[in-house]
Amino acid sequence: MKLVMLWDVDNKRPNMAAILNALPIIWEGVEKVLHHSDGDMSYDKFVNDVFRGGLILWLVFDKTGKYAGFITTRIDDNLNANRYCSLIHLYIHKDQDRDTFLDGFEEIKKFAKATGCHALRLWTTRNGWEKRLIPLGWKQSYVEYDLDIKDKKEGSV
């Protein structure tokens, strides 16, 4: 498995040419990931976040060099002075083994350490990752509940 970060490490900014070349490759995956995302995320917002450096795009290739999917990460500074490398989007191409990505976490971990992060964080709206992550030393750190407070039509409960 090979992980390619589309980020200019020396200049601390997105690699624009590489991102432009990658967009047609990742398009299908972006649509699927955004369909399962929660909150304010659209294709335009995704692309803008990648271009301005708010999200770092990583391409994943399997052992044969075939495109396997992508990951986006973000560096988050927490109020308690902790710095996290958060995995925001993770897309695994339908023809790929889900375990292909587990090796990629090591590469992301190296990047996170180099940027002063103390931990990796993976937020997901889907259950099931614990089967793969817990044996690798990950632990569940939060349980989150949401209450929808949008205005409802009068008379509805």
N, C-alpha and C. Protein backbone atom coordinates (compact mmCIF):
# COMPACT_ATOMS: atom_id res chain seq x y z
N MET A 1 0.84 -1.17 0.00
CA MET A 1 0.00 0.00 0.00
C MET A 1 0.88 1.23 0.00
N LYS A 2 0.49 2.21 -0.80
CA LYS A 2 1.24 3.46 -0.87
C LYS A 2 0.28 4.61 -0.63
N LEU A 3 0.71 5.52 0.20
CA LEU A 3 -0.08 6.70 0.54
C LEU A 3 0.66 7.92 0.01
N VAL A 4 -0.03 8.76 -0.78
CA VAL A 4 0.59 9.96 -1.35
C VAL A 4 -0.14 11.19 -0.83
N MET A 5 0.58 12.02 -0.09
CA MET A 5 0.01 13.24 0.45
C MET A 5 0.13 14.35 -0.59
N LEU A 6 -0.97 15.00 -0.92
CA LEU A 6 -0.97 16.08 -1.90
C LEU A 6 -0.78 17.42 -1.18
N TRP A 7 0.36 17.53 -0.56
CA TRP A 7 0.68 18.67 0.29
C TRP A 7 2.16 18.99 0.09
N ASP A 8 2.49 20.25 -0.07
CA ASP A 8 3.87 20.69 -0.19
C ASP A 8 4.40 20.91 1.23
N VAL A 9 5.10 19.91 1.75
CA VAL A 9 5.56 19.93 3.14
C VAL A 9 6.51 21.10 3.39
N ASP A 10 7.42 21.34 2.45
CA ASP A 10 8.41 22.41 2.64
C ASP A 10 7.75 23.79 2.74
N ASN A 11 6.76 24.04 1.91
CA ASN A 11 6.10 25.35 1.90
C ASN A 11 4.81 25.39 2.71
N LYS A 12 4.45 24.25 3.31
CA LYS A 12 3.27 24.14 4.17
C LYS A 12 2.01 24.66 3.48
N ARG A 13 1.76 24.10 2.29
CA ARG A 13 0.57 24.48 1.54
C ARG A 13 0.17 23.33 0.62
N PRO A 14 -1.07 23.38 0.13
CA PRO A 14 -1.53 22.32 -0.79
C PRO A 14 -0.71 22.29 -2.08
N ASN A 15 -0.54 21.11 -2.63
CA ASN A 15 0.10 20.92 -3.93
C ASN A 15 -1.01 21.05 -4.98
N MET A 16 -1.21 22.26 -5.46
CA MET A 16 -2.36 22.56 -6.34
C MET A 16 -2.38 21.71 -7.60
N ALA A 17 -1.25 21.55 -8.27
CA ALA A 17 -1.22 20.78 -9.52
C ALA A 17 -1.62 19.33 -9.27
N ALA A 18 -1.10 18.75 -8.20
CA ALA A 18 -1.43 17.36 -7.88
C ALA A 18 -2.91 17.22 -7.53
N ILE A 19 -3.45 18.19 -6.82
CA ILE A 19 -4.88 18.14 -6.46
C ILE A 19 -5.75 18.23 -7.71
N LEU A 20 -5.42 19.16 -8.60
CA LEU A 20 -6.19 19.28 -9.85
C LEU A 20 -6.17 17.97 -10.64
N ASN A 21 -5.03 17.31 -10.70
CA ASN A 21 -4.92 16.03 -11.40
C ASN A 21 -5.71 14.93 -10.69
N ALA A 22 -5.83 15.02 -9.38
CA ALA A 22 -6.50 13.97 -8.61
C ALA A 22 -8.02 14.08 -8.63
N LEU A 23 -8.56 15.27 -8.83
CA LEU A 23 -10.02 15.46 -8.72
C LEU A 23 -10.82 14.50 -9.60
N PRO A 24 -10.47 14.28 -10.86
CA PRO A 24 -11.25 13.31 -11.66
C PRO A 24 -11.16 11.88 -11.12
N ILE A 25 -10.04 11.55 -10.51
CA ILE A 25 -9.84 10.20 -9.97
C ILE A 25 -10.70 9.98 -8.73
N ILE A 26 -10.79 10.99 -7.88
CA ILE A 26 -11.48 10.82 -6.59
C ILE A 26 -12.95 11.20 -6.64
N TRP A 27 -13.44 11.75 -7.76
CA TRP A 27 -14.80 12.27 -7.86
C TRP A 27 -15.85 11.32 -7.31
N GLU A 28 -15.84 10.06 -7.78
CA GLU A 28 -16.84 9.08 -7.34
C GLU A 28 -16.80 8.91 -5.82
N GLY A 29 -15.60 8.80 -5.29
CA GLY A 29 -15.45 8.63 -3.85
C GLY A 29 -15.91 9.83 -3.05
N VAL A 30 -15.64 11.02 -3.57
CA VAL A 30 -16.08 12.24 -2.87
C VAL A 30 -17.60 12.25 -2.77
N GLU A 31 -18.27 11.93 -3.86
CA GLU A 31 -19.74 11.90 -3.84
C GLU A 31 -20.24 10.92 -2.77
N LYS A 32 -19.64 9.74 -2.71
CA LYS A 32 -20.09 8.73 -1.74
C LYS A 32 -19.81 9.15 -0.30
N VAL A 33 -18.63 9.70 -0.07
CA VAL A 33 -18.27 10.15 1.27
C VAL A 33 -19.19 11.27 1.73
N LEU A 34 -19.45 12.23 0.84
CA LEU A 34 -20.30 13.35 1.21
C LEU A 34 -21.73 12.91 1.47
N HIS A 35 -22.17 11.88 0.76
CA HIS A 35 -23.52 11.35 0.98
C HIS A 35 -23.67 10.83 2.41
N HIS A 36 -22.59 10.30 2.98
CA HIS A 36 -22.63 9.76 4.34
C HIS A 36 -22.14 10.74 5.39
N SER A 37 -21.77 11.95 4.96
CA SER A 37 -21.27 12.94 5.91
C SER A 37 -22.42 13.62 6.61
N ASP A 38 -22.13 14.11 7.78
CA ASP A 38 -23.12 14.80 8.58
C ASP A 38 -22.69 16.27 8.66
N GLY A 39 -23.61 17.18 8.53
CA GLY A 39 -23.28 18.59 8.66
C GLY A 39 -23.18 19.29 7.33
N ASP A 40 -22.50 20.43 7.35
CA ASP A 40 -22.41 21.32 6.19
C ASP A 40 -21.25 20.91 5.30
N MET A 41 -21.49 19.97 4.39
CA MET A 41 -20.43 19.56 3.48
C MET A 41 -21.03 19.36 2.11
N SER A 42 -20.47 20.03 1.13
CA SER A 42 -20.87 19.88 -0.27
C SER A 42 -19.58 19.66 -1.06
N TYR A 43 -19.73 19.31 -2.34
CA TYR A 43 -18.55 19.12 -3.18
C TYR A 43 -17.74 20.41 -3.25
N ASP A 44 -18.43 21.55 -3.41
CA ASP A 44 -17.73 22.84 -3.48
C ASP A 44 -16.95 23.12 -2.20
N LYS A 45 -17.57 22.85 -1.06
CA LYS A 45 -16.90 23.08 0.22
C LYS A 45 -15.71 22.14 0.37
N PHE A 46 -15.89 20.88 -0.02
CA PHE A 46 -14.81 19.91 0.04
C PHE A 46 -13.61 20.41 -0.77
N VAL A 47 -13.86 20.77 -2.04
CA VAL A 47 -12.77 21.22 -2.92
C VAL A 47 -12.13 22.50 -2.37
N ASN A 48 -12.95 23.45 -1.92
CA ASN A 48 -12.40 24.70 -1.37
C ASN A 48 -11.54 24.43 -0.14
N ASP A 49 -12.00 23.52 0.74
CA ASP A 49 -11.22 23.19 1.94
C ASP A 49 -9.88 22.56 1.57
N VAL A 50 -9.88 21.71 0.55
CA VAL A 50 -8.62 21.08 0.10
C VAL A 50 -7.70 22.14 -0.50
N PHE A 51 -8.24 23.01 -1.36
CA PHE A 51 -7.40 24.02 -2.02
C PHE A 51 -6.85 25.06 -1.04
N ARG A 52 -7.60 25.42 -0.04
CA ARG A 52 -7.09 26.44 0.90
C ARG A 52 -6.24 25.83 2.01
N GLY A 53 -6.17 24.50 2.07
CA GLY A 53 -5.33 23.84 3.06
C GLY A 53 -6.04 23.45 4.34
N GLY A 54 -7.34 23.65 4.40
CA GLY A 54 -8.11 23.24 5.58
C GLY A 54 -8.22 21.73 5.69
N LEU A 55 -8.17 21.05 4.56
CA LEU A 55 -8.12 19.59 4.51
C LEU A 55 -6.88 19.19 3.72
N ILE A 56 -6.20 18.17 4.19
CA ILE A 56 -5.05 17.64 3.46
C ILE A 56 -5.51 16.35 2.80
N LEU A 57 -5.33 16.28 1.48
CA LEU A 57 -5.77 15.14 0.69
C LEU A 57 -4.64 14.13 0.53
N TRP A 58 -4.95 12.86 0.81
CA TRP A 58 -4.01 11.75 0.65
C TRP A 58 -4.64 10.75 -0.32
N LEU A 59 -3.90 10.34 -1.34
CA LEU A 59 -4.36 9.29 -2.24
C LEU A 59 -3.78 7.97 -1.77
N VAL A 60 -4.58 6.92 -1.90
CA VAL A 60 -4.16 5.58 -1.47
C VAL A 60 -4.10 4.67 -2.68
N PHE A 61 -2.98 3.96 -2.81
CA PHE A 61 -2.79 3.00 -3.89
C PHE A 61 -2.48 1.64 -3.28
N ASP A 62 -3.01 0.58 -3.89
CA ASP A 62 -2.74 -0.76 -3.36
C ASP A 62 -1.34 -1.22 -3.77
N LYS A 63 -1.01 -2.45 -3.39
CA LYS A 63 0.33 -2.99 -3.64
C LYS A 63 0.67 -3.09 -5.13
N THR A 64 -0.35 -3.13 -5.98
CA THR A 64 -0.10 -3.21 -7.43
C THR A 64 -0.03 -1.82 -8.07
N GLY A 65 -0.26 -0.77 -7.29
CA GLY A 65 -0.23 0.59 -7.81
C GLY A 65 -1.59 1.10 -8.26
N LYS A 66 -2.63 0.29 -8.06
CA LYS A 66 -3.99 0.68 -8.45
C LYS A 66 -4.59 1.62 -7.40
N TYR A 67 -5.29 2.66 -7.87
CA TYR A 67 -5.97 3.59 -6.96
C TYR A 67 -6.91 2.82 -6.04
N ALA A 68 -6.79 3.05 -4.75
CA ALA A 68 -7.59 2.32 -3.76
C ALA A 68 -8.55 3.23 -3.00
N GLY A 69 -8.36 4.55 -3.07
CA GLY A 69 -9.25 5.46 -2.35
C GLY A 69 -8.51 6.70 -1.90
N PHE A 70 -9.10 7.42 -0.96
CA PHE A 70 -8.45 8.62 -0.44
C PHE A 70 -8.81 8.84 1.01
N ILE A 71 -8.01 9.67 1.64
CA ILE A 71 -8.22 10.09 3.02
C ILE A 71 -8.04 11.60 3.04
N THR A 72 -8.81 12.31 3.84
CA THR A 72 -8.50 13.71 4.13
C THR A 72 -8.22 13.82 5.62
N THR A 73 -7.27 14.67 5.94
CA THR A 73 -6.95 14.92 7.34
C THR A 73 -6.99 16.42 7.59
N ARG A 74 -7.02 16.75 8.86
CA ARG A 74 -7.02 18.15 9.28
C ARG A 74 -6.28 18.22 10.62
N ILE A 75 -5.50 19.25 10.80
CA ILE A 75 -4.84 19.46 12.09
C ILE A 75 -5.76 20.31 12.95
N ASP A 76 -6.10 19.79 14.12
CA ASP A 76 -7.02 20.47 15.04
C ASP A 76 -6.31 20.78 16.35
N ASP A 77 -6.35 22.03 16.76
CA ASP A 77 -5.86 22.42 18.07
C ASP A 77 -7.06 22.50 19.00
N ASN A 78 -7.00 21.74 20.07
CA ASN A 78 -8.11 21.61 21.00
C ASN A 78 -7.98 22.64 22.12
N LEU A 79 -9.09 22.94 22.77
CA LEU A 79 -9.08 23.90 23.88
C LEU A 79 -8.19 23.46 25.02
N ASN A 80 -8.03 22.16 25.20
CA ASN A 80 -7.19 21.67 26.30
C ASN A 80 -5.72 21.58 25.88
N ALA A 81 -5.35 22.33 24.84
CA ALA A 81 -3.97 22.46 24.36
C ALA A 81 -3.45 21.20 23.68
N ASN A 82 -4.31 20.27 23.37
CA ASN A 82 -3.89 19.09 22.62
C ASN A 82 -4.03 19.37 21.13
N ARG A 83 -3.15 18.80 20.37
CA ARG A 83 -3.19 18.94 18.91
C ARG A 83 -3.45 17.56 18.34
N TYR A 84 -4.47 17.47 17.49
CA TYR A 84 -4.87 16.21 16.88
C TYR A 84 -4.68 16.28 15.37
N CYS A 85 -4.39 15.14 14.77
CA CYS A 85 -4.50 14.98 13.33
C CYS A 85 -5.79 14.19 13.13
N SER A 86 -6.82 14.88 12.68
CA SER A 86 -8.14 14.26 12.54
C SER A 86 -8.31 13.70 11.13
N LEU A 87 -8.75 12.47 11.03
CA LEU A 87 -9.09 11.86 9.76
C LEU A 87 -10.55 12.21 9.50
N ILE A 88 -10.80 13.04 8.50
CA ILE A 88 -12.12 13.58 8.25
C ILE A 88 -12.91 12.73 7.27
N HIS A 89 -12.32 12.41 6.14
CA HIS A 89 -12.98 11.58 5.13
C HIS A 89 -12.10 10.38 4.83
N LEU A 90 -12.73 9.25 4.63
CA LEU A 90 -12.01 8.04 4.28
C LEU A 90 -12.86 7.29 3.27
N TYR A 91 -12.33 7.14 2.06
CA TYR A 91 -13.06 6.44 1.01
C TYR A 91 -12.24 5.25 0.55
N ILE A 92 -12.86 4.08 0.57
CA ILE A 92 -12.24 2.85 0.11
C ILE A 92 -12.97 2.43 -1.16
N HIS A 93 -12.24 2.37 -2.27
CA HIS A 93 -12.83 1.98 -3.54
C HIS A 93 -13.46 0.60 -3.40
N LYS A 94 -14.59 0.39 -4.08
CA LYS A 94 -15.36 -0.85 -3.94
C LYS A 94 -14.57 -2.11 -4.27
N ASP A 95 -13.52 -2.01 -5.08
CA ASP A 95 -12.73 -3.18 -5.45
C ASP A 95 -11.58 -3.45 -4.47
N GLN A 96 -11.50 -2.70 -3.40
CA GLN A 96 -10.35 -2.81 -2.50
C GLN A 96 -10.70 -3.45 -1.16
N ASP A 97 -9.72 -4.08 -0.59
CA ASP A 97 -9.83 -4.66 0.75
C ASP A 97 -9.79 -3.52 1.77
N ARG A 98 -10.71 -3.51 2.69
CA ARG A 98 -10.76 -2.45 3.70
C ARG A 98 -9.48 -2.37 4.52
N ASP A 99 -8.81 -3.48 4.69
CA ASP A 99 -7.58 -3.48 5.48
C ASP A 99 -6.42 -2.76 4.78
N THR A 100 -6.58 -2.46 3.50
CA THR A 100 -5.55 -1.70 2.76
C THR A 100 -5.24 -0.40 3.49
N PHE A 101 -6.24 0.21 4.08
CA PHE A 101 -6.07 1.51 4.70
C PHE A 101 -5.36 1.47 6.04
N LEU A 102 -5.40 0.34 6.69
CA LEU A 102 -4.81 0.27 8.02
C LEU A 102 -3.31 0.56 7.97
N ASP A 103 -2.64 0.12 6.92
CA ASP A 103 -1.22 0.43 6.76
C ASP A 103 -1.00 1.93 6.59
N GLY A 104 -1.94 2.60 5.96
CA GLY A 104 -1.82 4.03 5.72
C GLY A 104 -1.83 4.86 6.99
N PHE A 105 -2.44 4.35 8.03
CA PHE A 105 -2.47 5.10 9.28
C PHE A 105 -1.06 5.32 9.83
N GLU A 106 -0.15 4.40 9.55
CA GLU A 106 1.24 4.57 10.01
C GLU A 106 1.89 5.79 9.36
N GLU A 107 1.66 5.96 8.07
CA GLU A 107 2.21 7.12 7.35
C GLU A 107 1.61 8.42 7.88
N ILE A 108 0.31 8.40 8.12
CA ILE A 108 -0.36 9.59 8.67
C ILE A 108 0.16 9.87 10.08
N LYS A 109 0.41 8.82 10.84
CA LYS A 109 0.95 8.98 12.20
C LYS A 109 2.32 9.68 12.16
N LYS A 110 3.18 9.32 11.21
CA LYS A 110 4.48 9.98 11.07
C LYS A 110 4.30 11.47 10.77
N PHE A 111 3.38 11.78 9.85
CA PHE A 111 3.11 13.19 9.52
C PHE A 111 2.58 13.92 10.75
N ALA A 112 1.68 13.30 11.47
CA ALA A 112 1.08 13.94 12.65
C ALA A 112 2.15 14.24 13.70
N LYS A 113 3.03 13.30 13.96
CA LYS A 113 4.11 13.54 14.92
C LYS A 113 5.00 14.69 14.47
N ALA A 114 5.31 14.74 13.18
CA ALA A 114 6.17 15.80 12.64
C ALA A 114 5.53 17.17 12.74
N THR A 115 4.21 17.23 12.81
CA THR A 115 3.52 18.52 12.91
C THR A 115 3.09 18.84 14.34
N GLY A 116 3.60 18.07 15.30
CA GLY A 116 3.35 18.37 16.71
C GLY A 116 2.06 17.82 17.28
N CYS A 117 1.43 16.89 16.60
CA CYS A 117 0.18 16.31 17.11
C CYS A 117 0.49 15.27 18.17
N HIS A 118 -0.42 15.13 19.12
CA HIS A 118 -0.23 14.11 20.15
C HIS A 118 -1.07 12.87 19.90
N ALA A 119 -2.02 12.95 18.93
CA ALA A 119 -2.88 11.79 18.68
C ALA A 119 -3.53 11.91 17.31
N LEU A 120 -3.92 10.76 16.78
CA LEU A 120 -4.79 10.71 15.60
C LEU A 120 -6.22 10.61 16.10
N ARG A 121 -7.12 11.17 15.34
CA ARG A 121 -8.55 11.10 15.70
C ARG A 121 -9.33 10.75 14.44
N LEU A 122 -10.23 9.80 14.56
CA LEU A 122 -11.10 9.41 13.45
C LEU A 122 -12.54 9.58 13.90
N TRP A 123 -13.24 10.51 13.26
CA TRP A 123 -14.66 10.71 13.50
C TRP A 123 -15.42 9.98 12.41
N THR A 124 -16.44 9.26 12.77
CA THR A 124 -17.22 8.55 11.77
C THR A 124 -18.68 8.51 12.17
N THR A 125 -19.54 8.52 11.17
CA THR A 125 -20.98 8.37 11.43
C THR A 125 -21.39 6.92 11.31
N ARG A 126 -20.42 6.04 11.07
CA ARG A 126 -20.71 4.62 10.87
C ARG A 126 -20.04 3.77 11.94
N ASN A 127 -20.75 2.76 12.39
CA ASN A 127 -20.17 1.79 13.31
C ASN A 127 -19.34 0.79 12.52
N GLY A 128 -18.51 0.06 13.17
CA GLY A 128 -17.79 -1.01 12.53
C GLY A 128 -16.28 -0.83 12.52
N TRP A 129 -15.81 0.40 12.64
CA TRP A 129 -14.36 0.61 12.61
C TRP A 129 -13.67 0.01 13.83
N GLU A 130 -14.39 -0.10 14.94
CA GLU A 130 -13.74 -0.60 16.15
C GLU A 130 -13.14 -1.98 15.97
N LYS A 131 -13.75 -2.82 15.13
CA LYS A 131 -13.23 -4.17 14.89
C LYS A 131 -11.82 -4.12 14.30
N ARG A 132 -11.54 -3.12 13.50
CA ARG A 132 -10.22 -3.01 12.88
C ARG A 132 -9.26 -2.13 13.69
N LEU A 133 -9.78 -1.10 14.36
CA LEU A 133 -8.92 -0.13 15.00
C LEU A 133 -8.46 -0.53 16.41
N ILE A 134 -9.35 -1.11 17.19
CA ILE A 134 -9.00 -1.45 18.58
C ILE A 134 -7.80 -2.40 18.64
N PRO A 135 -7.71 -3.44 17.79
CA PRO A 135 -6.51 -4.29 17.84
C PRO A 135 -5.22 -3.54 17.49
N LEU A 136 -5.34 -2.37 16.86
CA LEU A 136 -4.17 -1.58 16.49
C LEU A 136 -3.81 -0.53 17.55
N GLY A 137 -4.52 -0.56 18.68
CA GLY A 137 -4.22 0.36 19.77
C GLY A 137 -5.12 1.58 19.85
N TRP A 138 -6.07 1.73 18.95
CA TRP A 138 -7.01 2.85 19.00
C TRP A 138 -7.99 2.58 20.13
N LYS A 139 -8.53 3.64 20.70
CA LYS A 139 -9.58 3.48 21.71
C LYS A 139 -10.69 4.47 21.43
N GLN A 140 -11.90 4.08 21.79
CA GLN A 140 -13.02 5.00 21.63
C GLN A 140 -12.91 6.04 22.72
N SER A 141 -12.95 7.32 22.34
CA SER A 141 -12.76 8.37 23.33
C SER A 141 -13.99 9.23 23.55
N TYR A 142 -14.94 9.17 22.63
CA TYR A 142 -16.14 9.98 22.77
C TYR A 142 -17.36 9.19 22.34
N VAL A 143 -18.46 9.50 22.96
CA VAL A 143 -19.76 9.06 22.48
C VAL A 143 -20.54 10.36 22.31
N GLU A 144 -21.13 10.53 21.16
CA GLU A 144 -21.79 11.80 20.86
C GLU A 144 -23.26 11.56 20.55
N TYR A 145 -24.10 12.43 21.07
CA TYR A 145 -25.53 12.40 20.78
C TYR A 145 -25.92 13.75 20.21
N ASP A 146 -26.82 13.76 19.25
CA ASP A 146 -27.29 15.00 18.67
C ASP A 146 -28.78 15.15 18.92
N LEU A 147 -29.21 16.38 19.15
CA LEU A 147 -30.62 16.72 19.27
C LEU A 147 -30.91 17.75 18.19
N ASP A 148 -31.80 17.41 17.26
CA ASP A 148 -32.16 18.33 16.18
C ASP A 148 -33.04 19.42 16.77
N ILE A 149 -32.63 20.68 16.62
CA ILE A 149 -33.41 21.79 17.19
C ILE A 149 -33.92 22.74 16.11
N LYS A 150 -33.96 22.25 14.87
CA LYS A 150 -34.52 23.07 13.81
C LYS A 150 -35.97 23.32 14.11
N ASP A 151 -36.45 24.48 13.65
CA ASP A 151 -37.86 24.79 13.84
C ASP A 151 -38.71 23.79 13.08
N LYS A 152 -39.72 23.29 13.76
CA LYS A 152 -40.65 22.36 13.12
C LYS A 152 -41.97 23.09 12.93
N LYS A 153 -42.79 22.54 12.05
CA LYS A 153 -44.09 23.16 11.84
C LYS A 153 -44.88 23.18 13.14
N GLU A 154 -45.60 24.24 13.34
CA GLU A 154 -46.39 24.38 14.56
C GLU A 154 -47.36 23.21 14.67
N GLY A 155 -47.48 22.70 15.86
CA GLY A 155 -48.39 21.59 16.11
C GLY A 155 -47.75 20.23 16.01
N SER A 156 -46.52 20.18 15.45
CA SER A 156 -45.85 18.87 15.36
C SER A 156 -45.07 18.63 16.65
N VAL A 157 -44.86 17.38 16.93
CA VAL A 157 -44.17 17.01 18.16
C VAL A 157 -42.76 16.61 17.86
